[in-house]
Amino acid sequence: MASNEIQPLYRSFLKVIQKWPADKVRPTRDLKGVLTTRVEETFRKPLANEGSLDIVKAQRELVALEKLLNNEFKEKHPLSDKILSPASNPDYYSSLVNSLKDKKDGSQGFLAKLLNQKK
């Protein structure tokens, strides 16, 4: 397999991964890092002519990642209010999200502080 087919696909993967959001809940185990490692390992051997790569499968995986990045599934299948605001604790998810975000004044919410503490 020629590297002229592999290199543009590799660069496309890197562009998608570069746009991937960081995981604030698990900053040392985020999907962006896993994707980077997997793509580097998958493309390293074919680019060095030491192995082969299933181009069709890689292209399908790239399309799937792009759809996830663009929230296509979230828009196609929105969550209902019943799921986002359960009767037992209607503010649970919104409170959780707000505690993870940095406040506008630069301070962090309680949960974000807790997760960022060094052990």
PDB file of N, CA and C in Angstrom:
ATOM      1  N   MET A   1       0.855  -1.179   0.000  1.00  0.00           N
ATOM      2  CA  MET A   1       0.000   0.000   0.000  1.00  0.00           C
ATOM      3  C   MET A   1       0.895   1.233   0.000  1.00  0.00           C
ATOM      4  N   ALA A   2       0.594   2.119  -0.871  1.00  0.00           N
ATOM      5  CA  ALA A   2       1.428   3.303  -1.038  1.00  0.00           C
ATOM      6  C   ALA A   2       1.187   4.297   0.081  1.00  0.00           C
ATOM      7  N   SER A   3       2.267   4.937   0.494  1.00  0.00           N
ATOM      8  CA  SER A   3       2.148   5.926   1.563  1.00  0.00           C
ATOM      9  C   SER A   3       1.374   7.153   1.099  1.00  0.00           C
ATOM     10  N   ASN A   4       1.258   7.344  -0.242  1.00  0.00           N
ATOM     11  CA  ASN A   4       0.501   8.485  -0.731  1.00  0.00           C
ATOM     12  C   ASN A   4      -0.995   8.337  -0.444  1.00  0.00           C
ATOM     13  N   GLU A   5      -1.463   7.112  -0.163  1.00  0.00           N
ATOM     14  CA  GLU A   5      -2.848   6.893   0.245  1.00  0.00           C
ATOM     15  C   GLU A   5      -2.989   7.035   1.759  1.00  0.00           C
ATOM     16  N   ILE A   6      -1.973   6.665   2.473  1.00  0.00           N
ATOM     17  CA  ILE A   6      -2.026   6.602   3.935  1.00  0.00           C
ATOM     18  C   ILE A   6      -1.808   7.968   4.570  1.00  0.00           C
ATOM     19  N   GLN A   7      -0.863   8.736   4.074  1.00  0.00           N
ATOM     20  CA  GLN A   7      -0.516  10.012   4.698  1.00  0.00           C
ATOM     21  C   GLN A   7      -1.675  11.004   4.777  1.00  0.00           C
ATOM     22  N   PRO A   8      -2.474  11.184   3.712  1.00  0.00           N
ATOM     23  CA  PRO A   8      -3.616  12.115   3.849  1.00  0.00           C
ATOM     24  C   PRO A   8      -4.646  11.624   4.881  1.00  0.00           C
ATOM     25  N   LEU A   9      -4.854  10.310   4.930  1.00  0.00           N
ATOM     26  CA  LEU A   9      -5.775   9.750   5.904  1.00  0.00           C
ATOM     27  C   LEU A   9      -5.243   9.963   7.321  1.00  0.00           C
ATOM     28  N   TYR A  10      -3.960   9.762   7.501  1.00  0.00           N
ATOM     29  CA  TYR A  10      -3.317   9.985   8.802  1.00  0.00           C
ATOM     30  C   TYR A  10      -3.476  11.443   9.242  1.00  0.00           C
ATOM     31  N   ARG A  11      -3.226  12.371   8.319  1.00  0.00           N
ATOM     32  CA  ARG A  11      -3.379  13.796   8.636  1.00  0.00           C
ATOM     33  C   ARG A  11      -4.826  14.137   8.970  1.00  0.00           C
ATOM     34  N   SER A  12      -5.776  13.500   8.292  1.00  0.00           N
ATOM     35  CA  SER A  12      -7.195  13.737   8.589  1.00  0.00           C
ATOM     36  C   SER A  12      -7.544  13.284   9.997  1.00  0.00           C
ATOM     37  N   PHE A  13      -7.012  12.133  10.398  1.00  0.00           N
ATOM     38  CA  PHE A  13      -7.233  11.659  11.757  1.00  0.00           C
ATOM     39  C   PHE A  13      -6.651  12.653  12.762  1.00  0.00           C
ATOM     40  N   LEU A  14      -5.449  13.120  12.513  1.00  0.00           N
ATOM     41  CA  LEU A  14      -4.817  14.063  13.435  1.00  0.00           C
ATOM     42  C   LEU A  14      -5.609  15.364  13.555  1.00  0.00           C
ATOM     43  N   LYS A  15      -6.197  15.834  12.460  1.00  0.00           N
ATOM     44  CA  LYS A  15      -7.005  17.055  12.500  1.00  0.00           C
ATOM     45  C   LYS A  15      -8.246  16.859  13.362  1.00  0.00           C
ATOM     46  N   VAL A  16      -8.884  15.699  13.224  1.00  0.00           N
ATOM     47  CA  VAL A  16     -10.081  15.412  14.030  1.00  0.00           C
ATOM     48  C   VAL A  16      -9.697  15.325  15.501  1.00  0.00           C
ATOM     49  N   ILE A  17      -8.618  14.626  15.785  1.00  0.00           N
ATOM     50  CA  ILE A  17      -8.188  14.453  17.176  1.00  0.00           C
ATOM     51  C   ILE A  17      -7.794  15.789  17.793  1.00  0.00           C
ATOM     52  N   GLN A  18      -7.182  16.658  17.014  1.00  0.00           N
ATOM     53  CA  GLN A  18      -6.778  17.980  17.520  1.00  0.00           C
ATOM     54  C   GLN A  18      -7.991  18.772  17.986  1.00  0.00           C
ATOM     55  N   LYS A  19      -9.128  18.599  17.320  1.00  0.00           N
ATOM     56  CA  LYS A  19     -10.356  19.320  17.675  1.00  0.00           C
ATOM     57  C   LYS A  19     -11.110  18.652  18.825  1.00  0.00           C
ATOM     58  N   TRP A  20     -10.709  17.430  19.193  1.00  0.00           N
ATOM     59  CA  TRP A  20     -11.437  16.689  20.212  1.00  0.00           C
ATOM     60  C   TRP A  20     -11.343  17.408  21.551  1.00  0.00           C
ATOM     61  N   PRO A  21     -12.454  17.550  22.273  1.00  0.00           N
ATOM     62  CA  PRO A  21     -12.410  18.265  23.553  1.00  0.00           C
ATOM     63  C   PRO A  21     -11.688  17.460  24.633  1.00  0.00           C
ATOM     64  N   ALA A  22     -11.060  18.177  25.538  1.00  0.00           N
ATOM     65  CA  ALA A  22     -10.385  17.529  26.670  1.00  0.00           C
ATOM     66  C   ALA A  22     -11.423  17.084  27.687  1.00  0.00           C
ATOM     67  N   ASP A  23     -11.141  16.012  28.364  1.00  0.00           N
ATOM     68  CA  ASP A  23     -12.046  15.488  29.394  1.00  0.00           C
ATOM     69  C   ASP A  23     -11.650  16.103  30.726  1.00  0.00           C
ATOM     70  N   LYS A  24     -12.486  17.006  31.230  1.00  0.00           N
ATOM     71  CA  LYS A  24     -12.169  17.688  32.482  1.00  0.00           C
ATOM     72  C   LYS A  24     -12.340  16.783  33.687  1.00  0.00           C
ATOM     73  N   VAL A  25     -13.155  15.749  33.545  1.00  0.00           N
ATOM     74  CA  VAL A  25     -13.381  14.841  34.664  1.00  0.00           C
ATOM     75  C   VAL A  25     -12.192  13.907  34.852  1.00  0.00           C
ATOM     76  N   ARG A  26     -11.631  13.426  33.743  1.00  0.00           N
ATOM     77  CA  ARG A  26     -10.483  12.513  33.800  1.00  0.00           C
ATOM     78  C   ARG A  26      -9.360  13.063  32.921  1.00  0.00           C
ATOM     79  N   PRO A  27      -8.688  14.099  33.360  1.00  0.00           N
ATOM     80  CA  PRO A  27      -7.689  14.734  32.495  1.00  0.00           C
ATOM     81  C   PRO A  27      -6.496  13.838  32.145  1.00  0.00           C
ATOM     82  N   THR A  28      -6.222  12.835  32.945  1.00  0.00           N
ATOM     83  CA  THR A  28      -5.104  11.945  32.636  1.00  0.00           C
ATOM     84  C   THR A  28      -5.528  10.709  31.855  1.00  0.00           C
ATOM     85  N   ARG A  29      -6.835  10.547  31.639  1.00  0.00           N
ATOM     86  CA  ARG A  29      -7.343   9.379  30.914  1.00  0.00           C
ATOM     87  C   ARG A  29      -8.398   9.788  29.897  1.00  0.00           C
ATOM     88  N   ASP A  30      -8.147  10.830  29.172  1.00  0.00           N
ATOM     89  CA  ASP A  30      -9.184  11.305  28.264  1.00  0.00           C
ATOM     90  C   ASP A  30      -9.123  10.587  26.920  1.00  0.00           C
ATOM     91  N   LEU A  31     -10.218  10.625  26.197  1.00  0.00           N
ATOM     92  CA  LEU A  31     -10.333   9.950  24.915  1.00  0.00           C
ATOM     93  C   LEU A  31      -9.372  10.535  23.890  1.00  0.00           C
ATOM     94  N   LYS A  32      -9.099  11.807  23.983  1.00  0.00           N
ATOM     95  CA  LYS A  32      -8.181  12.445  23.044  1.00  0.00           C
ATOM     96  C   LYS A  32      -6.805  11.776  23.087  1.00  0.00           C
ATOM     97  N   GLY A  33      -6.323  11.493  24.289  1.00  0.00           N
ATOM     98  CA  GLY A  33      -5.034  10.822  24.441  1.00  0.00           C
ATOM     99  C   GLY A  33      -5.058   9.397  23.908  1.00  0.00           C
ATOM    100  N   VAL A  34      -6.140   8.695  24.176  1.00  0.00           N
ATOM    101  CA  VAL A  34      -6.282   7.320  23.684  1.00  0.00           C
ATOM    102  C   VAL A  34      -6.321   7.308  22.162  1.00  0.00           C
ATOM    103  N   LEU A  35      -7.085   8.219  21.579  1.00  0.00           N
ATOM    104  CA  LEU A  35      -7.170   8.299  20.118  1.00  0.00           C
ATOM    105  C   LEU A  35      -5.813   8.629  19.501  1.00  0.00           C
ATOM    106  N   THR A  36      -5.105   9.560  20.094  1.00  0.00           N
ATOM    107  CA  THR A  36      -3.779   9.938  19.580  1.00  0.00           C
ATOM    108  C   THR A  36      -2.848   8.736  19.561  1.00  0.00           C
ATOM    109  N   THR A  37      -2.799   8.005  20.663  1.00  0.00           N
ATOM    110  CA  THR A  37      -1.925   6.834  20.755  1.00  0.00           C
ATOM    111  C   THR A  37      -2.315   5.777  19.738  1.00  0.00           C
ATOM    112  N   ARG A  38      -3.614   5.516  19.641  1.00  0.00           N
ATOM    113  CA  ARG A  38      -4.079   4.472  18.714  1.00  0.00           C
ATOM    114  C   ARG A  38      -3.770   4.836  17.266  1.00  0.00           C
ATOM    115  N   VAL A  39      -4.016   6.076  16.893  1.00  0.00           N
ATOM    116  CA  VAL A  39      -3.760   6.491  15.512  1.00  0.00           C
ATOM    117  C   VAL A  39      -2.260   6.421  15.210  1.00  0.00           C
ATOM    118  N   GLU A  40      -1.433   6.881  16.125  1.00  0.00           N
ATOM    119  CA  GLU A  40       0.011   6.821  15.905  1.00  0.00           C
ATOM    120  C   GLU A  40       0.482   5.385  15.743  1.00  0.00           C
ATOM    121  N   GLU A  41      -0.006   4.489  16.597  1.00  0.00           N
ATOM    122  CA  GLU A  41       0.396   3.082  16.507  1.00  0.00           C
ATOM    123  C   GLU A  41      -0.131   2.417  15.234  1.00  0.00           C
ATOM    124  N   THR A  42      -1.365   2.741  14.857  1.00  0.00           N
ATOM    125  CA  THR A  42      -1.986   2.138  13.679  1.00  0.00           C
ATOM    126  C   THR A  42      -1.289   2.557  12.395  1.00  0.00           C
ATOM    127  N   PHE A  43      -0.878   3.811  12.307  1.00  0.00           N
ATOM    128  CA  PHE A  43      -0.286   4.317  11.078  1.00  0.00           C
ATOM    129  C   PHE A  43       1.239   4.201  11.040  1.00  0.00           C
ATOM    130  N   ARG A  44       1.874   3.954  12.160  1.00  0.00           N
ATOM    131  CA  ARG A  44       3.337   3.918  12.192  1.00  0.00           C
ATOM    132  C   ARG A  44       3.900   2.844  11.258  1.00  0.00           C
ATOM    133  N   LYS A  45       3.432   1.612  11.383  1.00  0.00           N
ATOM    134  CA  LYS A  45       3.985   0.511  10.578  1.00  0.00           C
ATOM    135  C   LYS A  45       3.731   0.671   9.081  1.00  0.00           C
ATOM    136  N   PRO A  46       2.497   0.990   8.664  1.00  0.00           N
ATOM    137  CA  PRO A  46       2.298   1.165   7.217  1.00  0.00           C
ATOM    138  C   PRO A  46       3.115   2.309   6.630  1.00  0.00           C
ATOM    139  N   LEU A  47       3.278   3.392   7.379  1.00  0.00           N
ATOM    140  CA  LEU A  47       4.077   4.511   6.865  1.00  0.00           C
ATOM    141  C   LEU A  47       5.552   4.144   6.763  1.00  0.00           C
ATOM    142  N   ALA A  48       5.995   3.196   7.585  1.00  0.00           N
ATOM    143  CA  ALA A  48       7.380   2.743   7.535  1.00  0.00           C
ATOM    144  C   ALA A  48       7.527   1.508   6.646  1.00  0.00           C
ATOM    145  N   ASN A  49       6.459   1.158   5.903  1.00  0.00           N
ATOM    146  CA  ASN A  49       6.438  -0.017   5.026  1.00  0.00           C
ATOM    147  C   ASN A  49       6.699  -1.313   5.774  1.00  0.00           C
ATOM    148  N   GLU A  50       6.223  -1.398   7.008  1.00  0.00           N
ATOM    149  CA  GLU A  50       6.411  -2.606   7.824  1.00  0.00           C
ATOM    150  C   GLU A  50       5.097  -3.369   8.022  1.00  0.00           C
ATOM    151  N   GLY A  51       4.035  -2.911   7.428  1.00  0.00           N
ATOM    152  CA  GLY A  51       2.749  -3.575   7.610  1.00  0.00           C
ATOM    153  C   GLY A  51       1.721  -2.989   6.675  1.00  0.00           C
ATOM    154  N   SER A  52       0.484  -3.439   6.863  1.00  0.00           N
ATOM    155  CA  SER A  52      -0.577  -2.938   6.001  1.00  0.00           C
ATOM    156  C   SER A  52      -1.679  -2.292   6.834  1.00  0.00           C
ATOM    157  N   LEU A  53      -2.518  -1.562   6.149  1.00  0.00           N
ATOM    158  CA  LEU A  53      -3.618  -0.860   6.797  1.00  0.00           C
ATOM    159  C   LEU A  53      -4.856  -1.041   5.936  1.00  0.00           C
ATOM    160  N   ASP A  54      -5.970  -1.365   6.555  1.00  0.00           N
ATOM    161  CA  ASP A  54      -7.239  -1.483   5.850  1.00  0.00           C
ATOM    162  C   ASP A  54      -7.788  -0.067   5.660  1.00  0.00           C
ATOM    163  N   ILE A  55      -7.561   0.486   4.484  1.00  0.00           N
ATOM    164  CA  ILE A  55      -7.932   1.873   4.189  1.00  0.00           C
ATOM    165  C   ILE A  55      -9.437   2.087   4.326  1.00  0.00           C
ATOM    166  N   VAL A  56     -10.237   1.168   3.834  1.00  0.00           N
ATOM    167  CA  VAL A  56     -11.693   1.320   3.884  1.00  0.00           C
ATOM    168  C   VAL A  56     -12.168   1.364   5.334  1.00  0.00           C
ATOM    169  N   LYS A  57     -11.645   0.469   6.155  1.00  0.00           N
ATOM    170  CA  LYS A  57     -12.023   0.452   7.577  1.00  0.00           C
ATOM    171  C   LYS A  57     -11.580   1.746   8.260  1.00  0.00           C
ATOM    172  N   ALA A  58     -10.373   2.196   7.971  1.00  0.00           N
ATOM    173  CA  ALA A  58      -9.869   3.437   8.573  1.00  0.00           C
ATOM    174  C   ALA A  58     -10.713   4.631   8.155  1.00  0.00           C
ATOM    175  N   GLN A  59     -11.152   4.668   6.910  1.00  0.00           N
ATOM    176  CA  GLN A  59     -12.001   5.770   6.446  1.00  0.00           C
ATOM    177  C   GLN A  59     -13.351   5.759   7.161  1.00  0.00           C
ATOM    178  N   ARG A  60     -13.921   4.562   7.378  1.00  0.00           N
ATOM    179  CA  ARG A  60     -15.190   4.471   8.111  1.00  0.00           C
ATOM    180  C   ARG A  60     -15.010   4.945   9.550  1.00  0.00           C
ATOM    181  N   GLU A  61     -13.885   4.583  10.173  1.00  0.00           N
ATOM    182  CA  GLU A  61     -13.617   5.023  11.545  1.00  0.00           C
ATOM    183  C   GLU A  61     -13.450   6.542  11.601  1.00  0.00           C
ATOM    184  N   LEU A  62     -12.806   7.106  10.613  1.00  0.00           N
ATOM    185  CA  LEU A  62     -12.639   8.562  10.560  1.00  0.00           C
ATOM    186  C   LEU A  62     -13.991   9.258  10.440  1.00  0.00           C
ATOM    187  N   VAL A  63     -14.860   8.750   9.582  1.00  0.00           N
ATOM    188  CA  VAL A  63     -16.199   9.328   9.421  1.00  0.00           C
ATOM    189  C   VAL A  63     -16.969   9.238  10.733  1.00  0.00           C
ATOM    190  N   ALA A  64     -16.862   8.107  11.435  1.00  0.00           N
ATOM    191  CA  ALA A  64     -17.557   7.939  12.720  1.00  0.00           C
ATOM    192  C   ALA A  64     -17.041   8.946  13.748  1.00  0.00           C
ATOM    193  N   LEU A  65     -15.731   9.144  13.814  1.00  0.00           N
ATOM    194  CA  LEU A  65     -15.163  10.124  14.742  1.00  0.00           C
ATOM    195  C   LEU A  65     -15.628  11.537  14.414  1.00  0.00           C
ATOM    196  N   GLU A  66     -15.681  11.861  13.125  1.00  0.00           N
ATOM    197  CA  GLU A  66     -16.146  13.190  12.721  1.00  0.00           C
ATOM    198  C   GLU A  66     -17.605  13.404  13.124  1.00  0.00           C
ATOM    199  N   LYS A  67     -18.428  12.360  12.981  1.00  0.00           N
ATOM    200  CA  LYS A  67     -19.834  12.471  13.374  1.00  0.00           C
ATOM    201  C   LYS A  67     -19.960  12.677  14.882  1.00  0.00           C
ATOM    202  N   LEU A  68     -19.153  11.961  15.650  1.00  0.00           N
ATOM    203  CA  LEU A  68     -19.168  12.154  17.096  1.00  0.00           C
ATOM    204  C   LEU A  68     -18.715  13.561  17.467  1.00  0.00           C
ATOM    205  N   LEU A  69     -17.657  14.020  16.843  1.00  0.00           N
ATOM    206  CA  LEU A  69     -17.128  15.351  17.121  1.00  0.00           C
ATOM    207  C   LEU A  69     -18.148  16.437  16.802  1.00  0.00           C
ATOM    208  N   ASN A  70     -18.923  16.239  15.754  1.00  0.00           N
ATOM    209  CA  ASN A  70     -19.908  17.228  15.323  1.00  0.00           C
ATOM    210  C   ASN A  70     -21.270  17.041  15.992  1.00  0.00           C
ATOM    211  N   ASN A  71     -21.343  16.159  16.964  1.00  0.00           N
ATOM    212  CA  ASN A  71     -22.588  15.907  17.716  1.00  0.00           C
ATOM    213  C   ASN A  71     -23.767  15.513  16.823  1.00  0.00           C
ATOM    214  N   GLU A  72     -23.498  14.826  15.732  1.00  0.00           N
ATOM    215  CA  GLU A  72     -24.580  14.437  14.827  1.00  0.00           C
ATOM    216  C   GLU A  72     -25.582  13.506  15.510  1.00  0.00           C
ATOM    217  N   PHE A  73     -25.096  12.603  16.357  1.00  0.00           N
ATOM    218  CA  PHE A  73     -25.996  11.667  17.015  1.00  0.00           C
ATOM    219  C   PHE A  73     -26.811  12.350  18.107  1.00  0.00           C
ATOM    220  N   LYS A  74     -26.203  13.317  18.772  1.00  0.00           N
ATOM    221  CA  LYS A  74     -26.918  14.070  19.804  1.00  0.00           C
ATOM    222  C   LYS A  74     -28.066  14.863  19.190  1.00  0.00           C
ATOM    223  N   GLU A  75     -27.813  15.422  18.028  1.00  0.00           N
ATOM    224  CA  GLU A  75     -28.853  16.196  17.350  1.00  0.00           C
ATOM    225  C   GLU A  75     -29.915  15.287  16.742  1.00  0.00           C
ATOM    226  N   LYS A  76     -29.506  14.131  16.254  1.00  0.00           N
ATOM    227  CA  LYS A  76     -30.442  13.198  15.631  1.00  0.00           C
ATOM    228  C   LYS A  76     -31.311  12.492  16.673  1.00  0.00           C
ATOM    229  N   HIS A  77     -30.729  12.229  17.851  1.00  0.00           N
ATOM    230  CA  HIS A  77     -31.427  11.513  18.917  1.00  0.00           C
ATOM    231  C   HIS A  77     -31.333  12.305  20.223  1.00  0.00           C
ATOM    232  N   PRO A  78     -32.063  13.412  20.327  1.00  0.00           N
ATOM    233  CA  PRO A  78     -31.968  14.237  21.545  1.00  0.00           C
ATOM    234  C   PRO A  78     -32.538  13.506  22.766  1.00  0.00           C
ATOM    235  N   LEU A  79     -31.974  13.817  23.930  1.00  0.00           N
ATOM    236  CA  LEU A  79     -32.462  13.240  25.179  1.00  0.00           C
ATOM    237  C   LEU A  79     -33.715  13.977  25.627  1.00  0.00           C
ATOM    238  N   SER A  80     -34.630  13.225  26.189  1.00  0.00           N
ATOM    239  CA  SER A  80     -35.880  13.844  26.647  1.00  0.00           C
ATOM    240  C   SER A  80     -35.648  14.544  27.982  1.00  0.00           C
ATOM    241  N   ASP A  81     -36.561  15.437  28.324  1.00  0.00           N
ATOM    242  CA  ASP A  81     -36.484  16.140  29.600  1.00  0.00           C
ATOM    243  C   ASP A  81     -36.625  15.179  30.774  1.00  0.00           C
ATOM    244  N   LYS A  82     -37.341  14.090  30.574  1.00  0.00           N
ATOM    245  CA  LYS A  82     -37.510  13.108  31.648  1.00  0.00           C
ATOM    246  C   LYS A  82     -36.177  12.478  32.027  1.00  0.00           C
ATOM    247  N   ILE A  83     -35.315  12.301  31.054  1.00  0.00           N
ATOM    248  CA  ILE A  83     -33.997  11.719  31.334  1.00  0.00           C
ATOM    249  C   ILE A  83     -33.081  12.763  31.953  1.00  0.00           C
ATOM    250  N   LEU A  84     -33.106  13.980  31.417  1.00  0.00           N
ATOM    251  CA  LEU A  84     -32.212  15.030  31.902  1.00  0.00           C
ATOM    252  C   LEU A  84     -32.653  15.630  33.232  1.00  0.00           C
ATOM    253  N   SER A  85     -33.925  15.517  33.550  1.00  0.00           N
ATOM    254  CA  SER A  85     -34.457  16.072  34.802  1.00  0.00           C
ATOM    255  C   SER A  85     -35.321  15.021  35.499  1.00  0.00           C
ATOM    256  N   PRO A  86     -34.684  14.001  36.103  1.00  0.00           N
ATOM    257  CA  PRO A  86     -35.476  12.954  36.748  1.00  0.00           C
ATOM    258  C   PRO A  86     -36.309  13.517  37.900  1.00  0.00           C
ATOM    259  N   ALA A  87     -37.466  12.936  38.115  1.00  0.00           N
ATOM    260  CA  ALA A  87     -38.396  13.423  39.142  1.00  0.00           C
ATOM    261  C   ALA A  87     -37.773  13.393  40.529  1.00  0.00           C
ATOM    262  N   SER A  88     -36.906  12.431  40.786  1.00  0.00           N
ATOM    263  CA  SER A  88     -36.308  12.314  42.119  1.00  0.00           C
ATOM    264  C   SER A  88     -35.328  13.443  42.429  1.00  0.00           C
ATOM    265  N   ASN A  89     -34.677  13.992  41.396  1.00  0.00           N
ATOM    266  CA  ASN A  89     -33.706  15.067  41.596  1.00  0.00           C
ATOM    267  C   ASN A  89     -33.568  15.844  40.285  1.00  0.00           C
ATOM    268  N   PRO A  90     -34.508  16.712  39.973  1.00  0.00           N
ATOM    269  CA  PRO A  90     -34.549  17.358  38.659  1.00  0.00           C
ATOM    270  C   PRO A  90     -33.338  18.228  38.316  1.00  0.00           C
ATOM    271  N   ASP A  91     -32.614  18.725  39.279  1.00  0.00           N
ATOM    272  CA  ASP A  91     -31.460  19.597  39.006  1.00  0.00           C
ATOM    273  C   ASP A  91     -30.125  18.861  39.049  1.00  0.00           C
ATOM    274  N   TYR A  92     -30.142  17.547  39.177  1.00  0.00           N
ATOM    275  CA  TYR A  92     -28.910  16.787  39.365  1.00  0.00           C
ATOM    276  C   TYR A  92     -27.904  17.015  38.237  1.00  0.00           C
ATOM    277  N   TYR A  93     -28.318  16.783  36.983  1.00  0.00           N
ATOM    278  CA  TYR A  93     -27.374  16.867  35.868  1.00  0.00           C
ATOM    279  C   TYR A  93     -26.917  18.290  35.595  1.00  0.00           C
ATOM    280  N   SER A  94     -27.820  19.243  35.700  1.00  0.00           N
ATOM    281  CA  SER A  94     -27.398  20.623  35.466  1.00  0.00           C
ATOM    282  C   SER A  94     -26.439  21.083  36.564  1.00  0.00           C
ATOM    283  N   SER A  95     -26.666  20.651  37.806  1.00  0.00           N
ATOM    284  CA  SER A  95     -25.744  20.991  38.899  1.00  0.00           C
ATOM    285  C   SER A  95     -24.389  20.333  38.689  1.00  0.00           C
ATOM    286  N   LEU A  96     -24.399  19.111  38.216  1.00  0.00           N
ATOM    287  CA  LEU A  96     -23.149  18.392  37.958  1.00  0.00           C
ATOM    288  C   LEU A  96     -22.340  19.092  36.878  1.00  0.00           C
ATOM    289  N   VAL A  97     -22.996  19.451  35.783  1.00  0.00           N
ATOM    290  CA  VAL A  97     -22.304  20.140  34.688  1.00  0.00           C
ATOM    291  C   VAL A  97     -21.770  21.485  35.160  1.00  0.00           C
ATOM    292  N   ASN A  98     -22.573  22.230  35.903  1.00  0.00           N
ATOM    293  CA  ASN A  98     -22.132  23.543  36.394  1.00  0.00           C
ATOM    294  C   ASN A  98     -20.958  23.431  37.353  1.00  0.00           C
ATOM    295  N   SER A  99     -20.932  22.384  38.145  1.00  0.00           N
ATOM    296  CA  SER A  99     -19.818  22.232  39.092  1.00  0.00           C
ATOM    297  C   SER A  99     -18.523  21.879  38.372  1.00  0.00           C
ATOM    298  N   LEU A 100     -18.620  21.301  37.174  1.00  0.00           N
ATOM    299  CA  LEU A 100     -17.423  20.943  36.421  1.00  0.00           C
ATOM    300  C   LEU A 100     -16.852  22.117  35.641  1.00  0.00           C
ATOM    301  N   LYS A 101     -17.707  23.048  35.283  1.00  0.00           N
ATOM    302  CA  LYS A 101     -17.253  24.208  34.513  1.00  0.00           C
ATOM    303  C   LYS A 101     -16.579  25.214  35.437  1.00  0.00           C
ATOM    304  N   ASP A 102     -15.621  25.903  34.888  1.00  0.00           N
ATOM    305  CA  ASP A 102     -15.024  27.004  35.636  1.00  0.00           C
ATOM    306  C   ASP A 102     -16.019  28.144  35.697  1.00  0.00           C
ATOM    307  N   LYS A 103     -16.086  28.791  36.821  1.00  0.00           N
ATOM    308  CA  LYS A 103     -16.972  29.937  36.943  1.00  0.00           C
ATOM    309  C   LYS A 103     -16.379  31.118  36.189  1.00  0.00           C
ATOM    310  N   LYS A 104     -17.218  32.080  35.865  1.00  0.00           N
ATOM    311  CA  LYS A 104     -16.769  33.229  35.083  1.00  0.00           C
ATOM    312  C   LYS A 104     -15.709  34.053  35.798  1.00  0.00           C
ATOM    313  N   ASP A 105     -15.714  34.050  37.124  1.00  0.00           N
ATOM    314  CA  ASP A 105     -14.729  34.841  37.857  1.00  0.00           C
ATOM    315  C   ASP A 105     -13.383  34.125  37.977  1.00  0.00           C
ATOM    316  N   GLY A 106     -13.278  32.937  37.349  1.00  0.00           N
ATOM    317  CA  GLY A 106     -12.011  32.217  37.358  1.00  0.00           C
ATOM    318  C   GLY A 106     -11.905  31.164  38.434  1.00  0.00           C
ATOM    319  N   SER A 107     -12.798  31.185  39.419  1.00  0.00           N
ATOM    320  CA  SER A 107     -12.743  30.151  40.451  1.00  0.00           C
ATOM    321  C   SER A 107     -13.447  28.901  39.940  1.00  0.00           C
ATOM    322  N   GLN A 108     -13.163  27.793  40.567  1.00  0.00           N
ATOM    323  CA  GLN A 108     -13.748  26.535  40.140  1.00  0.00           C
ATOM    324  C   GLN A 108     -14.872  26.140  41.071  1.00  0.00           C
ATOM    325  N   GLY A 109     -15.802  25.325  40.538  1.00  0.00           N
ATOM    326  CA  GLY A 109     -16.861  24.771  41.353  1.00  0.00           C
ATOM    327  C   GLY A 109     -16.300  23.737  42.313  1.00  0.00           C
ATOM    328  N   PHE A 110     -17.117  23.322  43.261  1.00  0.00           N
ATOM    329  CA  PHE A 110     -16.684  22.384  44.292  1.00  0.00           C
ATOM    330  C   PHE A 110     -16.174  21.076  43.687  1.00  0.00           C
ATOM    331  N   LEU A 111     -16.952  20.474  42.767  1.00  0.00           N
ATOM    332  CA  LEU A 111     -16.562  19.197  42.198  1.00  0.00           C
ATOM    333  C   LEU A 111     -15.287  19.329  41.372  1.00  0.00           C
ATOM    334  N   ALA A 112     -15.158  20.407  40.631  1.00  0.00           N
ATOM    335  CA  ALA A 112     -13.942  20.620  39.841  1.00  0.00           C
ATOM    336  C   ALA A 112     -12.725  20.746  40.745  1.00  0.00           C
ATOM    337  N   LYS A 113     -12.866  21.448  41.861  1.00  0.00           N
ATOM    338  CA  LYS A 113     -11.758  21.568  42.818  1.00  0.00           C
ATOM    339  C   LYS A 113     -11.393  20.200  43.375  1.00  0.00           C
ATOM    340  N   LEU A 114     -12.415  19.429  43.713  1.00  0.00           N
ATOM    341  CA  LEU A 114     -12.190  18.110  44.271  1.00  0.00           C
ATOM    342  C   LEU A 114     -11.457  17.209  43.282  1.00  0.00           C
ATOM    343  N   LEU A 115     -11.859  17.255  42.019  1.00  0.00           N
ATOM    344  CA  LEU A 115     -11.234  16.402  41.012  1.00  0.00           C
ATOM    345  C   LEU A 115      -9.842  16.859  40.642  1.00  0.00           C
ATOM    346  N   ASN A 116      -9.533  18.130  40.828  1.00  0.00           N
ATOM    347  CA  ASN A 116      -8.215  18.648  40.467  1.00  0.00           C
ATOM    348  C   ASN A 116      -7.198  18.549  41.595  1.00  0.00           C
ATOM    349  N   GLN A 117      -7.626  18.128  42.785  1.00  0.00           N
ATOM    350  CA  GLN A 117      -6.695  18.021  43.907  1.00  0.00           C
ATOM    351  C   GLN A 117      -5.683  16.916  43.650  1.00  0.00           C
ATOM    352  N   LYS A 118      -4.478  17.157  44.013  1.00  0.00           N
ATOM    353  CA  LYS A 118      -3.427  16.143  43.925  1.00  0.00           C
ATOM    354  C   LYS A 118      -3.539  15.211  45.096  1.00  0.00           C
ATOM    355  N   LYS A 119      -3.350  13.936  44.823  1.00  0.00           N
ATOM    356  CA  LYS A 119      -3.429  12.950  45.904  1.00  0.00           C
ATOM    357  C   LYS A 119      -2.061  12.627  46.440  1.00  0.00           C
TER     358      LYS A 119
END
